Amino acid sequence: MKNPILNAPELWRSSFPIPTPGSHKYTRGHTLVLSGGAFTTGAARLAARGALRMGSGLVTLGTPREAAPIHGAHVTSIMLRPVDSVEELSILLESQVFKVVVIGPGRNGLSPHSLEAQELTRGLVQVYALKGQGALVLDADGLTSFAPCREELRAAVATMAPRPVILTPHEGEFARLFPHLKEGMGDSASKGQKAMAAAQEMGAWVVLKGACTCIAGPQEPLILNDRSVPWLASAGTGDVLAGFIAGLLAQGMKPHEACAAAVWLHSEAGQQLGPGLISEDLPEAIPSLLKGFMAQKH
């Protein structure tokens, strides 16, 4: 493995998407986030708001009907569409063009009814692989759903090519999905090697989260984000990161750079917010953070 690169704005600043006077919501890309059921709606909303704050021109929550009233009480600029089944996602994909879809946050992968939930989640991924037109960010329960059948995920990734797939596990999810790679993840070097091995195995990008986050992609150099921010050790911050990545992909940023930029901005927002941070705070920190970043760019 070549020496890893430390994450910094210099790696991706030149390709960071900035709207022009001629930009409008359709040129900035449409993101779809698929929600779980009524008792696990928050994670999908966090991802959706993260994508919206990061600049995706439109964001839609695909939601089971039972959860739609809950989402409706919380969102305004984020749209809602019913998605109760693989068939309904297929119909939605025929009527809308999404630049990126996020699957996994709050999908109940470890719930008492997890086998049924996992089967549905795998079906949603597979129909998107066949009928979608954009990138895929697979997070949280979306990763766990493929733990018993990793080859199905690899087949879906191959079906999607050359559309990119980004996997965003924390170390527990990584260990479930890649049990043969789970040992020896105590230091950043070995953790990076595991992320690289998983990326090569899957043909996908892997953002292995933690105090040092490793960003690995097929035929790409390993990027280490070693800006440890303890305030980010809070429920839901990973869902927001998935949304940040999706928001940049929706605007046409290349996957390796989009992952690096999203991880860096996620860390920077966490550092600036500091003690008392909760996941809902992160999207709201982005406008001032991006304003300063864009001022530096020019």
C-alpha atoms as a PDB file:
ATOM      1  CA  MET A   1       0.000   0.000   0.000  1.00  0.00           C
ATOM      2  CA  LYS A   2       1.310   3.447  -0.921  1.00  0.00           C
ATOM      3  CA  ASN A   3       1.737   5.982   1.824  1.00  0.00           C
ATOM      4  CA  PRO A   4      -1.667   7.394   2.748  1.00  0.00           C
ATOM      5  CA  ILE A   5      -2.527  11.033   2.167  1.00  0.00           C
ATOM      6  CA  LEU A   6      -3.787  13.228   4.996  1.00  0.00           C
ATOM      7  CA  ASN A   7      -7.129  14.822   4.259  1.00  0.00           C
ATOM      8  CA  ALA A   8      -7.036  18.563   3.653  1.00  0.00           C
ATOM      9  CA  PRO A   9      -8.969  21.049   1.517  1.00  0.00           C
ATOM     10  CA  GLU A  10      -6.065  21.245  -0.919  1.00  0.00           C
ATOM     11  CA  LEU A  11      -6.983  17.740  -2.110  1.00  0.00           C
ATOM     12  CA  TRP A  12     -10.481  18.700  -3.276  1.00  0.00           C
ATOM     13  CA  ARG A  13     -10.860  22.495  -3.098  1.00  0.00           C
ATOM     14  CA  SER A  14     -10.556  22.990  -6.878  1.00  0.00           C
ATOM     15  CA  SER A  15     -13.439  20.614  -7.621  1.00  0.00           C
ATOM     16  CA  PHE A  16     -15.760  21.673  -4.805  1.00  0.00           C
ATOM     17  CA  PRO A  17     -19.152  22.591  -6.350  1.00  0.00           C
ATOM     18  CA  ILE A  18     -20.038  26.263  -6.126  1.00  0.00           C
ATOM     19  CA  PRO A  19     -23.244  27.509  -7.804  1.00  0.00           C
ATOM     20  CA  THR A  20     -22.951  29.971 -10.643  1.00  0.00           C
ATOM     21  CA  PRO A  21     -25.416  32.767 -11.462  1.00  0.00           C
ATOM     22  CA  GLY A  22     -27.043  30.366 -13.936  1.00  0.00           C
ATOM     23  CA  SER A  23     -27.486  27.536 -11.430  1.00  0.00           C
ATOM     24  CA  HIS A  24     -30.919  26.338 -10.372  1.00  0.00           C
ATOM     25  CA  LYS A  25     -32.265  23.490  -8.287  1.00  0.00           C
ATOM     26  CA  TYR A  26     -32.210  20.998 -11.144  1.00  0.00           C
ATOM     27  CA  THR A  27     -28.573  21.684 -12.038  1.00  0.00           C
ATOM     28  CA  ARG A  28     -27.603  21.033  -8.417  1.00  0.00           C
ATOM     29  CA  GLY A  29     -28.952  17.481  -8.433  1.00  0.00           C
ATOM     30  CA  HIS A  30     -31.793  15.541  -6.829  1.00  0.00           C
ATOM     31  CA  THR A  31     -31.093  13.271  -3.835  1.00  0.00           C
ATOM     32  CA  LEU A  32     -33.395  10.488  -2.655  1.00  0.00           C
ATOM     33  CA  VAL A  33     -33.159   9.152   0.910  1.00  0.00           C
ATOM     34  CA  LEU A  34     -35.124   5.998   1.710  1.00  0.00           C
ATOM     35  CA  SER A  35     -36.601   6.019   5.210  1.00  0.00           C
ATOM     36  CA  GLY A  36     -37.368   3.238   7.624  1.00  0.00           C
ATOM     37  CA  GLY A  37     -40.645   2.732   9.476  1.00  0.00           C
ATOM     38  CA  ALA A  38     -42.546   4.939  11.897  1.00  0.00           C
ATOM     39  CA  PHE A  39     -40.288   4.299  14.889  1.00  0.00           C
ATOM     40  CA  THR A  40     -36.993   4.936  13.070  1.00  0.00           C
ATOM     41  CA  THR A  41     -37.599   8.043  10.986  1.00  0.00           C
ATOM     42  CA  GLY A  42     -35.015  10.379  12.491  1.00  0.00           C
ATOM     43  CA  ALA A  43     -31.933   8.898  10.830  1.00  0.00           C
ATOM     44  CA  ALA A  44     -33.295   9.364   7.304  1.00  0.00           C
ATOM     45  CA  ARG A  45     -34.272  12.977   8.045  1.00  0.00           C
ATOM     46  CA  LEU A  46     -30.747  13.661   9.310  1.00  0.00           C
ATOM     47  CA  ALA A  47     -29.273  12.296   6.089  1.00  0.00           C
ATOM     48  CA  ALA A  48     -31.783  14.215   3.980  1.00  0.00           C
ATOM     49  CA  ARG A  49     -31.097  17.494   5.756  1.00  0.00           C
ATOM     50  CA  GLY A  50     -27.361  16.897   5.466  1.00  0.00           C
ATOM     51  CA  ALA A  51     -27.698  16.494   1.692  1.00  0.00           C
ATOM     52  CA  LEU A  52     -29.845  19.612   1.422  1.00  0.00           C
ATOM     53  CA  ARG A  53     -27.481  21.765   3.488  1.00  0.00           C
ATOM     54  CA  MET A  54     -24.506  20.523   1.473  1.00  0.00           C
ATOM     55  CA  GLY A  55     -26.110  21.861  -1.692  1.00  0.00           C
ATOM     56  CA  SER A  56     -28.264  19.205  -3.332  1.00  0.00           C
ATOM     57  CA  GLY A  57     -30.870  21.188  -5.271  1.00  0.00           C
ATOM     58  CA  LEU A  58     -33.732  18.890  -4.349  1.00  0.00           C
ATOM     59  CA  VAL A  59     -34.070  16.217  -1.680  1.00  0.00           C
ATOM     60  CA  THR A  60     -36.860  13.662  -1.443  1.00  0.00           C
ATOM     61  CA  LEU A  61     -37.592  11.260   1.389  1.00  0.00           C
ATOM     62  CA  GLY A  62     -38.984   7.976   0.135  1.00  0.00           C
ATOM     63  CA  THR A  63     -41.057   6.839   3.077  1.00  0.00           C
ATOM     64  CA  PRO A  64     -43.363   4.009   4.104  1.00  0.00           C
ATOM     65  CA  ARG A  65     -46.888   5.360   4.377  1.00  0.00           C
ATOM     66  CA  GLU A  66     -46.998   4.678   8.113  1.00  0.00           C
ATOM     67  CA  ALA A  67     -44.089   7.075   8.601  1.00  0.00           C
ATOM     68  CA  ALA A  68     -45.243   9.816   6.242  1.00  0.00           C
ATOM     69  CA  PRO A  69     -47.233  11.817   8.875  1.00  0.00           C
ATOM     70  CA  ILE A  70     -44.196  11.834  11.167  1.00  0.00           C
ATOM     71  CA  HIS A  71     -41.898  13.109   8.435  1.00  0.00           C
ATOM     72  CA  GLY A  72     -44.539  15.596   7.353  1.00  0.00           C
ATOM     73  CA  ALA A  73     -44.550  17.138  10.825  1.00  0.00           C
ATOM     74  CA  HIS A  74     -40.795  17.745  10.654  1.00  0.00           C
ATOM     75  CA  VAL A  75     -39.846  18.704   7.099  1.00  0.00           C
ATOM     76  CA  THR A  76     -40.675  21.589   4.803  1.00  0.00           C
ATOM     77  CA  SER A  77     -38.131  21.996   1.998  1.00  0.00           C
ATOM     78  CA  ILE A  78     -37.646  18.209   1.817  1.00  0.00           C
ATOM     79  CA  MET A  79     -40.250  16.425  -0.313  1.00  0.00           C
ATOM     80  CA  LEU A  80     -42.043  13.173   0.540  1.00  0.00           C
ATOM     81  CA  ARG A  81     -42.916  10.254  -1.711  1.00  0.00           C
ATOM     82  CA  PRO A  82     -44.488   6.927  -0.678  1.00  0.00           C
ATOM     83  CA  VAL A  83     -42.153   3.933  -0.958  1.00  0.00           C
ATOM     84  CA  ASP A  84     -43.505   0.849   0.790  1.00  0.00           C
ATOM     85  CA  SER A  85     -42.036  -1.754  -1.518  1.00  0.00           C
ATOM     86  CA  VAL A  86     -39.503  -2.584  -4.184  1.00  0.00           C
ATOM     87  CA  GLU A  87     -42.239  -2.103  -6.776  1.00  0.00           C
ATOM     88  CA  GLU A  88     -43.010   1.428  -5.592  1.00  0.00           C
ATOM     89  CA  LEU A  89     -39.321   2.360  -5.724  1.00  0.00           C
ATOM     90  CA  SER A  90     -39.194   1.020  -9.267  1.00  0.00           C
ATOM     91  CA  ILE A  91     -42.135   3.239 -10.256  1.00  0.00           C
ATOM     92  CA  LEU A  92     -40.550   6.266  -8.568  1.00  0.00           C
ATOM     93  CA  LEU A  93     -37.280   5.679 -10.431  1.00  0.00           C
ATOM     94  CA  GLU A  94     -39.190   5.695 -13.714  1.00  0.00           C
ATOM     95  CA  SER A  95     -40.750   9.084 -12.978  1.00  0.00           C
ATOM     96  CA  GLN A  96     -37.800  10.884 -11.354  1.00  0.00           C
ATOM     97  CA  VAL A  97     -34.098  11.150 -12.111  1.00  0.00           C
ATOM     98  CA  PHE A  98     -32.026  11.026  -8.938  1.00  0.00           C
ATOM     99  CA  LYS A  99     -28.321  11.848  -8.982  1.00  0.00           C
ATOM    100  CA  VAL A 100     -27.800   9.871  -5.780  1.00  0.00           C
ATOM    101  CA  VAL A 101     -29.794   7.635  -3.465  1.00  0.00           C
ATOM    102  CA  VAL A 102     -29.056   7.039   0.230  1.00  0.00           C
ATOM    103  CA  ILE A 103     -30.173   3.689   1.638  1.00  0.00           C
ATOM    104  CA  GLY A 104     -29.678   2.468   5.185  1.00  0.00           C
ATOM    105  CA  PRO A 105     -30.255   5.073   7.903  1.00  0.00           C
ATOM    106  CA  GLY A 106     -33.023   3.802  10.178  1.00  0.00           C
ATOM    107  CA  ARG A 107     -33.845   0.746   8.062  1.00  0.00           C
ATOM    108  CA  ASN A 108     -34.169  -1.530  11.162  1.00  0.00           C
ATOM    109  CA  GLY A 109     -31.330  -3.865  10.278  1.00  0.00           C
ATOM    110  CA  LEU A 110     -30.937  -5.045  13.877  1.00  0.00           C
ATOM    111  CA  SER A 111     -34.582  -4.854  14.941  1.00  0.00           C
ATOM    112  CA  PRO A 112     -36.630  -7.850  16.170  1.00  0.00           C
ATOM    113  CA  HIS A 113     -38.047  -7.994  12.638  1.00  0.00           C
ATOM    114  CA  SER A 114     -34.634  -7.552  11.069  1.00  0.00           C
ATOM    115  CA  LEU A 115     -34.783 -10.468   8.624  1.00  0.00           C
ATOM    116  CA  GLU A 116     -37.817  -9.007   6.877  1.00  0.00           C
ATOM    117  CA  ALA A 117     -36.343  -5.505   7.000  1.00  0.00           C
ATOM    118  CA  GLN A 118     -33.014  -6.709   5.650  1.00  0.00           C
ATOM    119  CA  GLU A 119     -34.675  -8.532   2.761  1.00  0.00           C
ATOM    120  CA  LEU A 120     -36.600  -5.400   1.786  1.00  0.00           C
ATOM    121  CA  THR A 121     -33.480  -3.237   2.045  1.00  0.00           C
ATOM    122  CA  ARG A 122     -31.514  -5.609  -0.168  1.00  0.00           C
ATOM    123  CA  GLY A 123     -34.372  -5.545  -2.663  1.00  0.00           C
ATOM    124  CA  LEU A 124     -34.357  -1.739  -2.727  1.00  0.00           C
ATOM    125  CA  VAL A 125     -30.614  -1.711  -3.407  1.00  0.00           C
ATOM    126  CA  GLN A 126     -30.969  -4.275  -6.173  1.00  0.00           C
ATOM    127  CA  VAL A 127     -33.804  -2.471  -7.963  1.00  0.00           C
ATOM    128  CA  TYR A 128     -31.863   0.798  -7.764  1.00  0.00           C
ATOM    129  CA  ALA A 129     -28.823  -0.960  -9.217  1.00  0.00           C
ATOM    130  CA  LEU A 130     -30.940  -2.104 -12.150  1.00  0.00           C
ATOM    131  CA  LYS A 131     -33.148   0.941 -12.734  1.00  0.00           C
ATOM    132  CA  GLY A 132     -31.444   3.940 -11.121  1.00  0.00           C
ATOM    133  CA  GLN A 133     -29.286   6.470 -12.934  1.00  0.00           C
ATOM    134  CA  GLY A 134     -27.053   7.877 -10.220  1.00  0.00           C
ATOM    135  CA  ALA A 135     -24.720   7.052  -7.361  1.00  0.00           C
ATOM    136  CA  LEU A 136     -25.551   5.071  -4.216  1.00  0.00           C
ATOM    137  CA  VAL A 137     -24.567   5.816  -0.631  1.00  0.00           C
ATOM    138  CA  LEU A 138     -25.091   2.726   1.529  1.00  0.00           C
ATOM    139  CA  ASP A 139     -24.967   3.364   5.267  1.00  0.00           C
ATOM    140  CA  ALA A 140     -25.949   1.857   8.622  1.00  0.00           C
ATOM    141  CA  ASP A 141     -28.655  -0.816   8.311  1.00  0.00           C
ATOM    142  CA  GLY A 142     -28.141  -0.855   4.567  1.00  0.00           C
ATOM    143  CA  LEU A 143     -24.708  -2.343   5.218  1.00  0.00           C
ATOM    144  CA  THR A 144     -25.925  -4.696   7.942  1.00  0.00           C
ATOM    145  CA  SER A 145     -28.607  -6.084   5.627  1.00  0.00           C
ATOM    146  CA  PHE A 146     -25.914  -7.504   3.346  1.00  0.00           C
ATOM    147  CA  ALA A 147     -23.811  -9.049   6.125  1.00  0.00           C
ATOM    148  CA  PRO A 148     -25.281 -12.552   5.552  1.00  0.00           C
ATOM    149  CA  CYS A 149     -24.824 -12.293   1.773  1.00  0.00           C
ATOM    150  CA  ARG A 150     -21.929 -10.016   0.896  1.00  0.00           C
ATOM    151  CA  GLU A 151     -21.778 -11.446  -2.633  1.00  0.00           C
ATOM    152  CA  GLU A 152     -25.210  -9.965  -3.379  1.00  0.00           C
ATOM    153  CA  LEU A 153     -23.836  -6.533  -2.584  1.00  0.00           C
ATOM    154  CA  ARG A 154     -20.813  -7.069  -4.770  1.00  0.00           C
ATOM    155  CA  ALA A 155     -23.128  -8.138  -7.608  1.00  0.00           C
ATOM    156  CA  ALA A 156     -25.238  -4.990  -7.154  1.00  0.00           C
ATOM    157  CA  VAL A 157     -22.112  -2.819  -7.235  1.00  0.00           C
ATOM    158  CA  ALA A 158     -20.996  -4.539 -10.436  1.00  0.00           C
ATOM    159  CA  THR A 159     -24.443  -3.989 -11.967  1.00  0.00           C
ATOM    160  CA  MET A 160     -24.217  -0.277 -11.164  1.00  0.00           C
ATOM    161  CA  ALA A 161     -20.807   0.273 -12.766  1.00  0.00           C
ATOM    162  CA  PRO A 162     -19.647   2.832 -13.721  1.00  0.00           C
ATOM    163  CA  ARG A 163     -22.030   4.581 -11.317  1.00  0.00           C
ATOM    164  CA  PRO A 164     -20.224   4.881  -7.970  1.00  0.00           C
ATOM    165  CA  VAL A 165     -21.205   3.136  -4.747  1.00  0.00           C
ATOM    166  CA  ILE A 166     -20.040   4.522  -1.392  1.00  0.00           C
ATOM    167  CA  LEU A 167     -20.128   2.358   1.723  1.00  0.00           C
ATOM    168  CA  THR A 168     -19.945   4.296   5.012  1.00  0.00           C
ATOM    169  CA  PRO A 169     -19.501   1.826   7.902  1.00  0.00           C
ATOM    170  CA  HIS A 170     -18.357   2.452  11.433  1.00  0.00           C
ATOM    171  CA  GLU A 171     -16.093  -0.278  12.780  1.00  0.00           C
ATOM    172  CA  GLY A 172     -18.948  -2.430  14.095  1.00  0.00           C
ATOM    173  CA  GLU A 173     -20.751  -2.406  10.754  1.00  0.00           C
ATOM    174  CA  PHE A 174     -17.467  -3.044   8.954  1.00  0.00           C
ATOM    175  CA  ALA A 175     -16.811  -6.090  11.133  1.00  0.00           C
ATOM    176  CA  ARG A 176     -20.270  -7.486  10.364  1.00  0.00           C
ATOM    177  CA  LEU A 177     -19.945  -6.953   6.611  1.00  0.00           C
ATOM    178  CA  PHE A 178     -16.276  -7.945   6.329  1.00  0.00           C
ATOM    179  CA  PRO A 179     -15.670 -10.468   9.141  1.00  0.00           C
ATOM    180  CA  HIS A 180     -12.567 -11.762   7.369  1.00  0.00           C
ATOM    181  CA  LEU A 181     -11.034  -8.259   7.579  1.00  0.00           C
ATOM    182  CA  LYS A 182     -12.090  -7.286  11.101  1.00  0.00           C
ATOM    183  CA  GLU A 183      -8.931  -8.178  13.035  1.00  0.00           C
ATOM    184  CA  GLY A 184      -6.110  -5.783  13.799  1.00  0.00           C
ATOM    185  CA  MET A 185      -7.921  -2.483  13.344  1.00  0.00           C
ATOM    186  CA  GLY A 186      -6.309  -0.811  16.320  1.00  0.00           C
ATOM    187  CA  ASP A 187      -4.112   1.699  14.493  1.00  0.00           C
ATOM    188  CA  SER A 188      -4.731   3.955  11.508  1.00  0.00           C
ATOM    189  CA  ALA A 189      -2.321   2.078   9.218  1.00  0.00           C
ATOM    190  CA  SER A 190      -3.963  -1.318   9.649  1.00  0.00           C
ATOM    191  CA  LYS A 191      -7.408   0.283   9.585  1.00  0.00           C
ATOM    192  CA  GLY A 192      -6.506   1.875   6.284  1.00  0.00           C
ATOM    193  CA  GLN A 193      -5.340  -1.460   4.914  1.00  0.00           C
ATOM    194  CA  LYS A 194      -8.691  -3.025   5.823  1.00  0.00           C
ATOM    195  CA  ALA A 195     -10.575  -0.183   4.139  1.00  0.00           C
ATOM    196  CA  MET A 196      -8.452  -0.564   1.007  1.00  0.00           C
ATOM    197  CA  ALA A 197      -8.999  -4.324   0.960  1.00  0.00           C
ATOM    198  CA  ALA A 198     -12.768  -3.877   1.304  1.00  0.00           C
ATOM    199  CA  ALA A 199     -12.827  -1.258  -1.468  1.00  0.00           C
ATOM    200  CA  GLN A 200     -10.950  -3.572  -3.808  1.00  0.00           C
ATOM    201  CA  GLU A 201     -13.149  -6.544  -2.916  1.00  0.00           C
ATOM    202  CA  MET A 202     -16.364  -4.638  -3.556  1.00  0.00           C
ATOM    203  CA  GLY A 203     -15.300  -2.304  -6.332  1.00  0.00           C
ATOM    204  CA  ALA A 204     -16.760   0.493  -4.217  1.00  0.00           C
ATOM    205  CA  TRP A 205     -15.617   3.416  -2.127  1.00  0.00           C
ATOM    206  CA  VAL A 206     -15.330   2.720   1.601  1.00  0.00           C
ATOM    207  CA  VAL A 207     -15.471   5.465   4.226  1.00  0.00           C
ATOM    208  CA  LEU A 208     -14.469   3.638   7.400  1.00  0.00           C
ATOM    209  CA  LYS A 209     -15.509   6.006  10.178  1.00  0.00           C
ATOM    210  CA  GLY A 210     -13.937   6.627  13.562  1.00  0.00           C
ATOM    211  CA  ALA A 211     -11.451   8.832  15.375  1.00  0.00           C
ATOM    212  CA  CYS A 212      -9.339   8.430  12.233  1.00  0.00           C
ATOM    213  CA  THR A 213     -11.636   8.026   9.223  1.00  0.00           C
ATOM    214  CA  CYS A 214     -10.191   6.132   6.254  1.00  0.00           C
ATOM    215  CA  ILE A 215     -11.359   6.905   2.726  1.00  0.00           C
ATOM    216  CA  ALA A 216     -10.542   4.168   0.219  1.00  0.00           C
ATOM    217  CA  GLY A 217     -11.588   3.716  -3.380  1.00  0.00           C
ATOM    218  CA  PRO A 218     -10.822   1.396  -6.265  1.00  0.00           C
ATOM    219  CA  GLN A 219      -7.577   2.539  -7.900  1.00  0.00           C
ATOM    220  CA  GLU A 220      -7.455   5.581  -5.598  1.00  0.00           C
ATOM    221  CA  PRO A 221      -4.937   6.586  -2.917  1.00  0.00           C
ATOM    222  CA  LEU A 222      -5.918   6.063   0.699  1.00  0.00           C
ATOM    223  CA  ILE A 223      -6.928   9.273   2.465  1.00  0.00           C
ATOM    224  CA  LEU A 224      -6.764   9.503   6.251  1.00  0.00           C
ATOM    225  CA  ASN A 225      -8.838  12.062   8.120  1.00  0.00           C
ATOM    226  CA  ASP A 226      -7.014  12.088  11.448  1.00  0.00           C
ATOM    227  CA  ARG A 227      -8.800  15.144  12.885  1.00  0.00           C
ATOM    228  CA  SER A 228     -10.266  13.332  15.886  1.00  0.00           C
ATOM    229  CA  VAL A 229     -13.310  15.227  17.177  1.00  0.00           C
ATOM    230  CA  PRO A 230     -14.744  13.543  20.305  1.00  0.00           C
ATOM    231  CA  TRP A 231     -17.889  15.685  20.161  1.00  0.00           C
ATOM    232  CA  LEU A 232     -18.936  13.705  17.066  1.00  0.00           C
ATOM    233  CA  ALA A 233     -19.317  10.536  19.148  1.00  0.00           C
ATOM    234  CA  SER A 234     -23.075  11.005  19.279  1.00  0.00           C
ATOM    235  CA  ALA A 235     -26.033   9.181  17.760  1.00  0.00           C
ATOM    236  CA  GLY A 236     -26.940  10.278  14.246  1.00  0.00           C
ATOM    237  CA  THR A 237     -23.724  12.038  13.242  1.00  0.00           C
ATOM    238  CA  GLY A 238     -22.930   9.249  10.800  1.00  0.00           C
ATOM    239  CA  ASP A 239     -26.330   9.663   9.142  1.00  0.00           C
ATOM    240  CA  VAL A 240     -25.546  13.334   8.601  1.00  0.00           C
ATOM    241  CA  LEU A 241     -22.184  12.391   7.049  1.00  0.00           C
ATOM    242  CA  ALA A 242     -23.946  10.069   4.595  1.00  0.00           C
ATOM    243  CA  GLY A 243     -26.118  13.029   3.617  1.00  0.00           C
ATOM    244  CA  PHE A 244     -23.113  15.312   3.219  1.00  0.00           C
ATOM    245  CA  ILE A 245     -21.498  12.828   0.829  1.00  0.00           C
ATOM    246  CA  ALA A 246     -24.749  12.467  -1.105  1.00  0.00           C
ATOM    247  CA  GLY A 247     -25.175  16.232  -1.387  1.00  0.00           C
ATOM    248  CA  LEU A 248     -21.765  16.625  -2.998  1.00  0.00           C
ATOM    249  CA  LEU A 249     -22.272  13.660  -5.317  1.00  0.00           C
ATOM    250  CA  ALA A 250     -25.612  15.124  -6.412  1.00  0.00           C
ATOM    251  CA  GLN A 251     -23.762  18.223  -7.612  1.00  0.00           C
ATOM    252  CA  GLY A 252     -21.357  16.193  -9.716  1.00  0.00           C
ATOM    253  CA  MET A 253     -18.330  15.968  -7.460  1.00  0.00           C
ATOM    254  CA  LYS A 254     -16.229  12.851  -8.082  1.00  0.00           C
ATOM    255  CA  PRO A 255     -16.654  10.189  -5.392  1.00  0.00           C
ATOM    256  CA  HIS A 256     -13.144  10.168  -3.920  1.00  0.00           C
ATOM    257  CA  GLU A 257     -13.098  13.942  -3.592  1.00  0.00           C
ATOM    258  CA  ALA A 258     -16.727  14.091  -2.413  1.00  0.00           C
ATOM    259  CA  CYS A 259     -16.008  11.614   0.389  1.00  0.00           C
ATOM    260  CA  ALA A 260     -12.877  13.483   1.459  1.00  0.00           C
ATOM    261  CA  ALA A 261     -14.601  16.874   1.384  1.00  0.00           C
ATOM    262  CA  ALA A 262     -17.661  15.628   3.282  1.00  0.00           C
ATOM    263  CA  VAL A 263     -15.549  13.969   5.976  1.00  0.00           C
ATOM    264  CA  TRP A 264     -13.376  17.075   6.409  1.00  0.00           C
ATOM    265  CA  LEU A 265     -16.368  19.433   6.614  1.00  0.00           C
ATOM    266  CA  HIS A 266     -18.102  17.038   9.016  1.00  0.00           C
ATOM    267  CA  SER A 267     -15.046  17.121  11.291  1.00  0.00           C
ATOM    268  CA  GLU A 268     -14.701  20.878  10.984  1.00  0.00           C
ATOM    269  CA  ALA A 269     -18.358  21.422  11.875  1.00  0.00           C
ATOM    270  CA  GLY A 270     -17.974  19.124  14.881  1.00  0.00           C
ATOM    271  CA  GLN A 271     -14.877  20.975  16.034  1.00  0.00           C
ATOM    272  CA  GLN A 272     -16.520  24.368  15.709  1.00  0.00           C
ATOM    273  CA  LEU A 273     -19.700  23.282  17.516  1.00  0.00           C
ATOM    274  CA  GLY A 274     -17.783  21.554  20.297  1.00  0.00           C
ATOM    275  CA  PRO A 275     -19.220  20.377  23.631  1.00  0.00           C
ATOM    276  CA  GLY A 276     -22.946  19.742  23.678  1.00  0.00           C
ATOM    277  CA  LEU A 277     -23.089  18.911  19.971  1.00  0.00           C
ATOM    278  CA  ILE A 278     -25.951  16.706  18.819  1.00  0.00           C
ATOM    279  CA  SER A 279     -26.400  15.383  15.306  1.00  0.00           C
ATOM    280  CA  GLU A 280     -29.140  17.885  14.414  1.00  0.00           C
ATOM    281  CA  ASP A 281     -26.631  20.702  14.895  1.00  0.00           C
ATOM    282  CA  LEU A 282     -24.292  19.568  12.117  1.00  0.00           C
ATOM    283  CA  PRO A 283     -26.372  20.512   9.041  1.00  0.00           C
ATOM    284  CA  GLU A 284     -27.139  23.885  10.616  1.00  0.00           C
ATOM    285  CA  ALA A 285     -23.409  24.619  11.001  1.00  0.00           C
ATOM    286  CA  ILE A 286     -22.776  24.171   7.282  1.00  0.00           C
ATOM    287  CA  PRO A 287     -23.908  27.564   5.866  1.00  0.00           C
ATOM    288  CA  SER A 288     -21.406  29.627   7.867  1.00  0.00           C
ATOM    289  CA  LEU A 289     -18.713  26.980   7.411  1.00  0.00           C
ATOM    290  CA  LEU A 290     -19.163  26.925   3.620  1.00  0.00           C
ATOM    291  CA  LYS A 291     -19.293  30.709   3.463  1.00  0.00           C
ATOM    292  CA  GLY A 292     -15.868  30.891   5.065  1.00  0.00           C
ATOM    293  CA  PHE A 293     -14.514  28.071   2.925  1.00  0.00           C
ATOM    294  CA  MET A 294     -15.719  29.645  -0.310  1.00  0.00           C
ATOM    295  CA  ALA A 295     -14.300  33.016   0.683  1.00  0.00           C
ATOM    296  CA  GLN A 296     -10.893  31.348   1.079  1.00  0.00           C
ATOM    297  CA  LYS A 297     -11.260  29.656  -2.314  1.00  0.00           C
ATOM    298  CA  HIS A 298     -11.597  33.028  -4.004  1.00  0.00           C
END
